[in-house]
Amino acid sequence: MPELCRFYNIVIKMIYKDDKQHHKPHFHVYYAEYEAAVGIDGELLAGNLPVNQLKLVQAWALIHEDELYAAWNKAVQGIAFGKIDPLK
C-alpha cells in the first residue's frame, strides 16, 4: 500500500483499486496501534483513532483535498500517484 504522507507519527496510505469496500474516496491512516479508513471529506469510515489525531487528519485532508482526489482518481485506475507534502 503506497504511502501518501507522514506527519506527527501519522502515516497516510492509499490502496490501488480500493473503491469497493467503502464506496467513496478514502485513504487509510495508521497511528501507533490504531488503524482507520477516512473519507477524503473527513468522515471516519472504519476503525478508530484518538480524537486529537483524527482532528489532525481531518484538517490535513481539508487542506489537501484536491491532491487527495487526484491521487484517488489515479489509485482506482491502478496508476501510481506521488506523495503529498504535509507542509504545503
PDB file of N, CA and C in Angstrom:
ATOM      1  N   MET A   1       0.861  -1.163   0.000  1.00  0.00           N
ATOM      2  CA  MET A   1       0.000   0.000   0.000  1.00  0.00           C
ATOM      3  C   MET A   1       0.913   1.234   0.000  1.00  0.00           C
ATOM      4  N   PRO A   2       0.868   2.024  -1.047  1.00  0.00           N
ATOM      5  CA  PRO A   2       1.744   3.192  -1.143  1.00  0.00           C
ATOM      6  C   PRO A   2       1.426   4.271  -0.111  1.00  0.00           C
ATOM      7  N   GLU A   3       2.480   4.866   0.412  1.00  0.00           N
ATOM      8  CA  GLU A   3       2.347   5.933   1.394  1.00  0.00           C
ATOM      9  C   GLU A   3       2.128   7.266   0.681  1.00  0.00           C
ATOM     10  N   LEU A   4       1.126   7.993   1.138  1.00  0.00           N
ATOM     11  CA  LEU A   4       0.832   9.325   0.613  1.00  0.00           C
ATOM     12  C   LEU A   4       1.553  10.414   1.398  1.00  0.00           C
ATOM     13  N   CYS A   5       1.564  10.260   2.719  1.00  0.00           N
ATOM     14  CA  CYS A   5       2.090  11.327   3.553  1.00  0.00           C
ATOM     15  C   CYS A   5       2.383  10.786   4.949  1.00  0.00           C
ATOM     16  N   ARG A   6       3.241  11.517   5.669  1.00  0.00           N
ATOM     17  CA  ARG A   6       3.580  11.163   7.048  1.00  0.00           C
ATOM     18  C   ARG A   6       3.797  12.456   7.824  1.00  0.00           C
ATOM     19  N   PHE A   7       3.134  12.576   8.979  1.00  0.00           N
ATOM     20  CA  PHE A   7       3.295  13.746   9.839  1.00  0.00           C
ATOM     21  C   PHE A   7       2.869  13.383  11.256  1.00  0.00           C
ATOM     22  N   TYR A   8       3.581  13.912  12.253  1.00  0.00           N
ATOM     23  CA  TYR A   8       3.272  13.668  13.664  1.00  0.00           C
ATOM     24  C   TYR A   8       3.040  12.183  13.981  1.00  0.00           C
ATOM     25  N   ASN A   9       3.862  11.320  13.416  1.00  0.00           N
ATOM     26  CA  ASN A   9       3.762   9.856  13.589  1.00  0.00           C
ATOM     27  C   ASN A   9       2.467   9.273  13.027  1.00  0.00           C
ATOM     28  N   ILE A  10       1.793  10.014  12.194  1.00  0.00           N
ATOM     29  CA  ILE A  10       0.594   9.546  11.492  1.00  0.00           C
ATOM     30  C   ILE A  10       1.030   9.212  10.067  1.00  0.00           C
ATOM     31  N   VAL A  11       0.658   8.025   9.604  1.00  0.00           N
ATOM     32  CA  VAL A  11       1.002   7.607   8.249  1.00  0.00           C
ATOM     33  C   VAL A  11      -0.295   7.492   7.447  1.00  0.00           C
ATOM     34  N   ILE A  12      -0.313   8.143   6.292  1.00  0.00           N
ATOM     35  CA  ILE A  12      -1.473   8.122   5.394  1.00  0.00           C
ATOM     36  C   ILE A  12      -1.105   7.280   4.169  1.00  0.00           C
ATOM     37  N   LYS A  13      -1.953   6.310   3.852  1.00  0.00           N
ATOM     38  CA  LYS A  13      -1.710   5.455   2.691  1.00  0.00           C
ATOM     39  C   LYS A  13      -2.982   5.356   1.855  1.00  0.00           C
ATOM     40  N   MET A  14      -2.806   4.976   0.607  1.00  0.00           N
ATOM     41  CA  MET A  14      -3.938   4.766  -0.284  1.00  0.00           C
ATOM     42  C   MET A  14      -3.692   3.479  -1.060  1.00  0.00           C
ATOM     43  N   ILE A  15      -4.737   2.675  -1.169  1.00  0.00           N
ATOM     44  CA  ILE A  15      -4.634   1.379  -1.830  1.00  0.00           C
ATOM     45  C   ILE A  15      -5.100   1.513  -3.277  1.00  0.00           C
ATOM     46  N   TYR A  16      -4.397   0.861  -4.184  1.00  0.00           N
ATOM     47  CA  TYR A  16      -4.827   0.823  -5.580  1.00  0.00           C
ATOM     48  C   TYR A  16      -6.125   0.032  -5.714  1.00  0.00           C
ATOM     49  N   LYS A  17      -7.021   0.524  -6.555  1.00  0.00           N
ATOM     50  CA  LYS A  17      -8.290  -0.136  -6.885  1.00  0.00           C
ATOM     51  C   LYS A  17      -9.103  -0.490  -5.639  1.00  0.00           C
ATOM     52  N   ASP A  18      -9.131   0.415  -4.668  1.00  0.00           N
ATOM     53  CA  ASP A  18      -9.810   0.201  -3.380  1.00  0.00           C
ATOM     54  C   ASP A  18     -11.128   0.961  -3.325  1.00  0.00           C
ATOM     55  N   ASP A  19     -11.982   0.765  -4.335  1.00  0.00           N
ATOM     56  CA  ASP A  19     -13.237   1.518  -4.381  1.00  0.00           C
ATOM     57  C   ASP A  19     -14.466   0.659  -4.120  1.00  0.00           C
ATOM     58  N   LYS A  20     -14.286  -0.555  -3.639  1.00  0.00           N
ATOM     59  CA  LYS A  20     -15.424  -1.446  -3.409  1.00  0.00           C
ATOM     60  C   LYS A  20     -15.914  -1.429  -1.960  1.00  0.00           C
ATOM     61  N   GLN A  21     -14.998  -1.516  -0.992  1.00  0.00           N
ATOM     62  CA  GLN A  21     -15.382  -1.703   0.396  1.00  0.00           C
ATOM     63  C   GLN A  21     -16.120  -0.509   0.992  1.00  0.00           C
ATOM     64  N   HIS A  22     -15.610   0.689   0.832  1.00  0.00           N
ATOM     65  CA  HIS A  22     -16.217   1.851   1.488  1.00  0.00           C
ATOM     66  C   HIS A  22     -17.067   2.691   0.531  1.00  0.00           C
ATOM     67  N   HIS A  23     -16.999   2.418  -0.746  1.00  0.00           N
ATOM     68  CA  HIS A  23     -17.845   3.061  -1.761  1.00  0.00           C
ATOM     69  C   HIS A  23     -17.723   4.581  -1.808  1.00  0.00           C
ATOM     70  N   LYS A  24     -16.618   5.115  -1.367  1.00  0.00           N
ATOM     71  CA  LYS A  24     -16.383   6.545  -1.501  1.00  0.00           C
ATOM     72  C   LYS A  24     -14.877   6.778  -1.450  1.00  0.00           C
ATOM     73  N   PRO A  25     -14.418   7.869  -2.019  1.00  0.00           N
ATOM     74  CA  PRO A  25     -12.981   8.170  -1.990  1.00  0.00           C
ATOM     75  C   PRO A  25     -12.477   8.258  -0.542  1.00  0.00           C
ATOM     76  N   HIS A  26     -11.415   7.536  -0.253  1.00  0.00           N
ATOM     77  CA  HIS A  26     -10.902   7.488   1.104  1.00  0.00           C
ATOM     78  C   HIS A  26      -9.420   7.138   1.116  1.00  0.00           C
ATOM     79  N   PHE A  27      -8.848   7.206   2.294  1.00  0.00           N
ATOM     80  CA  PHE A  27      -7.451   6.821   2.499  1.00  0.00           C
ATOM     81  C   PHE A  27      -7.380   6.084   3.831  1.00  0.00           C
ATOM     82  N   HIS A  28      -6.256   5.464   4.071  1.00  0.00           N
ATOM     83  CA  HIS A  28      -6.054   4.687   5.288  1.00  0.00           C
ATOM     84  C   HIS A  28      -5.042   5.392   6.172  1.00  0.00           C
ATOM     85  N   VAL A  29      -5.321   5.387   7.474  1.00  0.00           N
ATOM     86  CA  VAL A  29      -4.499   6.100   8.445  1.00  0.00           C
ATOM     87  C   VAL A  29      -3.962   5.096   9.464  1.00  0.00           C
ATOM     88  N   TYR A  30      -2.684   5.253   9.786  1.00  0.00           N
ATOM     89  CA  TYR A  30      -2.024   4.406  10.771  1.00  0.00           C
ATOM     90  C   TYR A  30      -1.348   5.310  11.796  1.00  0.00           C
ATOM     91  N   TYR A  31      -1.653   5.074  13.052  1.00  0.00           N
ATOM     92  CA  TYR A  31      -1.039   5.820  14.140  1.00  0.00           C
ATOM     93  C   TYR A  31      -0.873   4.861  15.317  1.00  0.00           C
ATOM     94  N   ALA A  32       0.369   4.597  15.692  1.00  0.00           N
ATOM     95  CA  ALA A  32       0.674   3.642  16.772  1.00  0.00           C
ATOM     96  C   ALA A  32      -0.090   2.345  16.493  1.00  0.00           C
ATOM     97  N   GLU A  33      -0.910   1.891  17.432  1.00  0.00           N
ATOM     98  CA  GLU A  33      -1.659   0.646  17.228  1.00  0.00           C
ATOM     99  C   GLU A  33      -3.021   0.868  16.573  1.00  0.00           C
ATOM    100  N   TYR A  34      -3.326   2.088  16.176  1.00  0.00           N
ATOM    101  CA  TYR A  34      -4.615   2.429  15.587  1.00  0.00           C
ATOM    102  C   TYR A  34      -4.567   2.379  14.066  1.00  0.00           C
ATOM    103  N   GLU A  35      -5.684   1.979  13.487  1.00  0.00           N
ATOM    104  CA  GLU A  35      -5.856   1.989  12.029  1.00  0.00           C
ATOM    105  C   GLU A  35      -7.262   2.477  11.733  1.00  0.00           C
ATOM    106  N   ALA A  36      -7.387   3.244  10.654  1.00  0.00           N
ATOM    107  CA  ALA A  36      -8.710   3.746  10.279  1.00  0.00           C
ATOM    108  C   ALA A  36      -8.758   4.008   8.780  1.00  0.00           C
ATOM    109  N   ALA A  37      -9.973   3.961   8.246  1.00  0.00           N
ATOM    110  CA  ALA A  37     -10.242   4.414   6.883  1.00  0.00           C
ATOM    111  C   ALA A  37     -11.015   5.719   7.025  1.00  0.00           C
ATOM    112  N   VAL A  38     -10.534   6.752   6.341  1.00  0.00           N
ATOM    113  CA  VAL A  38     -11.141   8.081   6.448  1.00  0.00           C
ATOM    114  C   VAL A  38     -11.484   8.570   5.049  1.00  0.00           C
ATOM    115  N   GLY A  39     -12.708   9.053   4.874  1.00  0.00           N
ATOM    116  CA  GLY A  39     -13.117   9.618   3.601  1.00  0.00           C
ATOM    117  C   GLY A  39     -12.352  10.896   3.324  1.00  0.00           C
ATOM    118  N   ILE A  40     -12.171  11.206   2.060  1.00  0.00           N
ATOM    119  CA  ILE A  40     -11.491  12.450   1.712  1.00  0.00           C
ATOM    120  C   ILE A  40     -12.251  13.643   2.296  1.00  0.00           C
ATOM    121  N   ASP A  41     -13.529  13.476   2.539  1.00  0.00           N
ATOM    122  CA  ASP A  41     -14.330  14.532   3.170  1.00  0.00           C
ATOM    123  C   ASP A  41     -14.149  14.583   4.691  1.00  0.00           C
ATOM    124  N   GLY A  42     -13.304  13.688   5.250  1.00  0.00           N
ATOM    125  CA  GLY A  42     -13.018  13.690   6.680  1.00  0.00           C
ATOM    126  C   GLY A  42     -13.847  12.723   7.504  1.00  0.00           C
ATOM    127  N   GLU A  43     -14.812  12.050   6.893  1.00  0.00           N
ATOM    128  CA  GLU A  43     -15.660  11.115   7.622  1.00  0.00           C
ATOM    129  C   GLU A  43     -14.865   9.870   8.013  1.00  0.00           C
ATOM    130  N   LEU A  44     -14.967   9.459   9.270  1.00  0.00           N
ATOM    131  CA  LEU A  44     -14.355   8.224   9.730  1.00  0.00           C
ATOM    132  C   LEU A  44     -15.225   7.071   9.233  1.00  0.00           C
ATOM    133  N   LEU A  45     -14.677   6.246   8.347  1.00  0.00           N
ATOM    134  CA  LEU A  45     -15.450   5.176   7.713  1.00  0.00           C
ATOM    135  C   LEU A  45     -15.308   3.842   8.435  1.00  0.00           C
ATOM    136  N   ALA A  46     -14.136   3.581   8.983  1.00  0.00           N
ATOM    137  CA  ALA A  46     -13.887   2.308   9.663  1.00  0.00           C
ATOM    138  C   ALA A  46     -12.698   2.479  10.589  1.00  0.00           C
ATOM    139  N   GLY A  47     -12.627   1.636  11.600  1.00  0.00           N
ATOM    140  CA  GLY A  47     -11.512   1.683  12.532  1.00  0.00           C
ATOM    141  C   GLY A  47     -11.656   2.817  13.518  1.00  0.00           C
ATOM    142  N   ASN A  48     -10.530   3.157  14.162  1.00  0.00           N
ATOM    143  CA  ASN A  48     -10.574   4.266  15.111  1.00  0.00           C
ATOM    144  C   ASN A  48      -9.203   4.895  15.263  1.00  0.00           C
ATOM    145  N   LEU A  49      -9.230   6.121  15.716  1.00  0.00           N
ATOM    146  CA  LEU A  49      -8.040   6.914  16.007  1.00  0.00           C
ATOM    147  C   LEU A  49      -8.322   7.720  17.263  1.00  0.00           C
ATOM    148  N   PRO A  50      -7.282   8.080  18.014  1.00  0.00           N
ATOM    149  CA  PRO A  50      -7.515   9.006  19.124  1.00  0.00           C
ATOM    150  C   PRO A  50      -8.089  10.322  18.573  1.00  0.00           C
ATOM    151  N   VAL A  51      -8.880  10.997  19.360  1.00  0.00           N
ATOM    152  CA  VAL A  51      -9.587  12.201  18.917  1.00  0.00           C
ATOM    153  C   VAL A  51      -8.637  13.248  18.338  1.00  0.00           C
ATOM    154  N   ASN A  52      -7.532  13.516  19.016  1.00  0.00           N
ATOM    155  CA  ASN A  52      -6.609  14.547  18.523  1.00  0.00           C
ATOM    156  C   ASN A  52      -6.011  14.193  17.167  1.00  0.00           C
ATOM    157  N   GLN A  53      -5.654  12.932  16.983  1.00  0.00           N
ATOM    158  CA  GLN A  53      -5.083  12.513  15.707  1.00  0.00           C
ATOM    159  C   GLN A  53      -6.140  12.538  14.613  1.00  0.00           C
ATOM    160  N   LEU A  54      -7.374  12.161  14.926  1.00  0.00           N
ATOM    161  CA  LEU A  54      -8.446  12.235  13.933  1.00  0.00           C
ATOM    162  C   LEU A  54      -8.653  13.680  13.493  1.00  0.00           C
ATOM    163  N   LYS A  55      -8.639  14.609  14.422  1.00  0.00           N
ATOM    164  CA  LYS A  55      -8.800  16.027  14.077  1.00  0.00           C
ATOM    165  C   LYS A  55      -7.654  16.513  13.197  1.00  0.00           C
ATOM    166  N   LEU A  56      -6.428  16.087  13.501  1.00  0.00           N
ATOM    167  CA  LEU A  56      -5.281  16.443  12.657  1.00  0.00           C
ATOM    168  C   LEU A  56      -5.458  15.906  11.243  1.00  0.00           C
ATOM    169  N   VAL A  57      -5.881  14.645  11.144  1.00  0.00           N
ATOM    170  CA  VAL A  57      -6.084  14.017   9.835  1.00  0.00           C
ATOM    171  C   VAL A  57      -7.190  14.734   9.068  1.00  0.00           C
ATOM    172  N   GLN A  58      -8.278  15.070   9.736  1.00  0.00           N
ATOM    173  CA  GLN A  58      -9.378  15.767   9.069  1.00  0.00           C
ATOM    174  C   GLN A  58      -8.945  17.146   8.573  1.00  0.00           C
ATOM    175  N   ALA A  59      -8.171  17.857   9.373  1.00  0.00           N
ATOM    176  CA  ALA A  59      -7.671  19.173   8.947  1.00  0.00           C
ATOM    177  C   ALA A  59      -6.712  19.017   7.774  1.00  0.00           C
ATOM    178  N   TRP A  60      -5.830  18.024   7.836  1.00  0.00           N
ATOM    179  CA  TRP A  60      -4.886  17.753   6.749  1.00  0.00           C
ATOM    180  C   TRP A  60      -5.655  17.434   5.459  1.00  0.00           C
ATOM    181  N   ALA A  61      -6.703  16.604   5.573  1.00  0.00           N
ATOM    182  CA  ALA A  61      -7.492  16.223   4.399  1.00  0.00           C
ATOM    183  C   ALA A  61      -8.180  17.439   3.779  1.00  0.00           C
ATOM    184  N   LEU A  62      -8.666  18.329   4.601  1.00  0.00           N
ATOM    185  CA  LEU A  62      -9.312  19.546   4.090  1.00  0.00           C
ATOM    186  C   LEU A  62      -8.313  20.406   3.322  1.00  0.00           C
ATOM    187  N   ILE A  63      -7.122  20.552   3.864  1.00  0.00           N
ATOM    188  CA  ILE A  63      -6.082  21.354   3.214  1.00  0.00           C
ATOM    189  C   ILE A  63      -5.631  20.727   1.899  1.00  0.00           C
ATOM    190  N   HIS A  64      -5.572  19.398   1.855  1.00  0.00           N
ATOM    191  CA  HIS A  64      -5.029  18.685   0.693  1.00  0.00           C
ATOM    192  C   HIS A  64      -6.108  17.978  -0.136  1.00  0.00           C
ATOM    193  N   GLU A  65      -7.334  18.465  -0.054  1.00  0.00           N
ATOM    194  CA  GLU A  65      -8.460  17.821  -0.722  1.00  0.00           C
ATOM    195  C   GLU A  65      -8.223  17.603  -2.223  1.00  0.00           C
ATOM    196  N   ASP A  66      -7.763  18.614  -2.930  1.00  0.00           N
ATOM    197  CA  ASP A  66      -7.542  18.475  -4.377  1.00  0.00           C
ATOM    198  C   ASP A  66      -6.492  17.409  -4.679  1.00  0.00           C
ATOM    199  N   GLU A  67      -5.412  17.419  -3.906  1.00  0.00           N
ATOM    200  CA  GLU A  67      -4.359  16.427  -4.111  1.00  0.00           C
ATOM    201  C   GLU A  67      -4.851  15.019  -3.784  1.00  0.00           C
ATOM    202  N   LEU A  68      -5.682  14.907  -2.765  1.00  0.00           N
ATOM    203  CA  LEU A  68      -6.233  13.598  -2.396  1.00  0.00           C
ATOM    204  C   LEU A  68      -7.149  13.051  -3.493  1.00  0.00           C
ATOM    205  N   TYR A  69      -8.005  13.895  -4.040  1.00  0.00           N
ATOM    206  CA  TYR A  69      -8.874  13.436  -5.123  1.00  0.00           C
ATOM    207  C   TYR A  69      -8.068  13.049  -6.356  1.00  0.00           C
ATOM    208  N   ALA A  70      -7.009  13.790  -6.645  1.00  0.00           N
ATOM    209  CA  ALA A  70      -6.150  13.447  -7.786  1.00  0.00           C
ATOM    210  C   ALA A  70      -5.485  12.095  -7.553  1.00  0.00           C
ATOM    211  N   ALA A  71      -4.984  11.868  -6.334  1.00  0.00           N
ATOM    212  CA  ALA A  71      -4.365  10.574  -6.008  1.00  0.00           C
ATOM    213  C   ALA A  71      -5.406   9.462  -6.071  1.00  0.00           C
ATOM    214  N   TRP A  72      -6.609   9.721  -5.563  1.00  0.00           N
ATOM    215  CA  TRP A  72      -7.679   8.714  -5.578  1.00  0.00           C
ATOM    216  C   TRP A  72      -8.025   8.322  -7.015  1.00  0.00           C
ATOM    217  N   ASN A  73      -8.183   9.311  -7.872  1.00  0.00           N
ATOM    218  CA  ASN A  73      -8.535   9.028  -9.268  1.00  0.00           C
ATOM    219  C   ASN A  73      -7.471   8.172  -9.949  1.00  0.00           C
ATOM    220  N   LYS A  74      -6.222   8.399  -9.628  1.00  0.00           N
ATOM    221  CA  LYS A  74      -5.158   7.556 -10.178  1.00  0.00           C
ATOM    222  C   LYS A  74      -5.186   6.169  -9.541  1.00  0.00           C
ATOM    223  N   ALA A  75      -5.352   6.125  -8.219  1.00  0.00           N
ATOM    224  CA  ALA A  75      -5.309   4.848  -7.495  1.00  0.00           C
ATOM    225  C   ALA A  75      -6.392   3.888  -7.966  1.00  0.00           C
ATOM    226  N   VAL A  76      -7.610   4.363  -8.184  1.00  0.00           N
ATOM    227  CA  VAL A  76      -8.682   3.450  -8.596  1.00  0.00           C
ATOM    228  C   VAL A  76      -8.457   2.916 -10.014  1.00  0.00           C
ATOM    229  N   GLN A  77      -7.611   3.593 -10.774  1.00  0.00           N
ATOM    230  CA  GLN A  77      -7.255   3.112 -12.106  1.00  0.00           C
ATOM    231  C   GLN A  77      -5.984   2.268 -12.079  1.00  0.00           C
ATOM    232  N   GLY A  78      -5.376   2.135 -10.895  1.00  0.00           N
ATOM    233  CA  GLY A  78      -4.152   1.371 -10.768  1.00  0.00           C
ATOM    234  C   GLY A  78      -2.920   2.118 -11.239  1.00  0.00           C
ATOM    235  N   ILE A  79      -3.009   3.445 -11.292  1.00  0.00           N
ATOM    236  CA  ILE A  79      -1.899   4.290 -11.752  1.00  0.00           C
ATOM    237  C   ILE A  79      -1.155   4.827 -10.524  1.00  0.00           C
ATOM    238  N   ALA A  80       0.161   4.832 -10.593  1.00  0.00           N
ATOM    239  CA  ALA A  80       0.969   5.338  -9.488  1.00  0.00           C
ATOM    240  C   ALA A  80       0.682   6.819  -9.232  1.00  0.00           C
ATOM    241  N   PHE A  81       0.678   7.186  -7.980  1.00  0.00           N
ATOM    242  CA  PHE A  81       0.486   8.577  -7.578  1.00  0.00           C
ATOM    243  C   PHE A  81       1.644   8.980  -6.671  1.00  0.00           C
ATOM    244  N   GLY A  82       1.913  10.266  -6.605  1.00  0.00           N
ATOM    245  CA  GLY A  82       3.027  10.755  -5.803  1.00  0.00           C
ATOM    246  C   GLY A  82       2.631  11.029  -4.369  1.00  0.00           C
ATOM    247  N   LYS A  83       3.631  11.366  -3.579  1.00  0.00           N
ATOM    248  CA  LYS A  83       3.390  11.710  -2.179  1.00  0.00           C
ATOM    249  C   LYS A  83       2.869  13.142  -2.083  1.00  0.00           C
ATOM    250  N   ILE A  84       2.192  13.406  -0.984  1.00  0.00           N
ATOM    251  CA  ILE A  84       1.689  14.747  -0.688  1.00  0.00           C
ATOM    252  C   ILE A  84       2.580  15.345   0.387  1.00  0.00           C
ATOM    253  N   ASP A  85       3.091  16.527   0.126  1.00  0.00           N
ATOM    254  CA  ASP A  85       3.949  17.228   1.081  1.00  0.00           C
ATOM    255  C   ASP A  85       3.067  17.771   2.207  1.00  0.00           C
ATOM    256  N   PRO A  86       3.291  17.352   3.461  1.00  0.00           N
ATOM    257  CA  PRO A  86       2.425  17.805   4.549  1.00  0.00           C
ATOM    258  C   PRO A  86       2.581  19.282   4.879  1.00  0.00           C
ATOM    259  N   LEU A  87       3.641  19.909   4.405  1.00  0.00           N
ATOM    260  CA  LEU A  87       3.891  21.307   4.737  1.00  0.00           C
ATOM    261  C   LEU A  87       3.330  22.291   3.734  1.00  0.00           C
ATOM    262  N   LYS A  88       2.752  21.805   2.653  1.00  0.00           N
ATOM    263  CA  LYS A  88       2.192  22.698   1.647  1.00  0.00           C
ATOM    264  C   LYS A  88       0.733  22.946   1.899  1.00  0.00           C
TER     265      LYS A  88
END
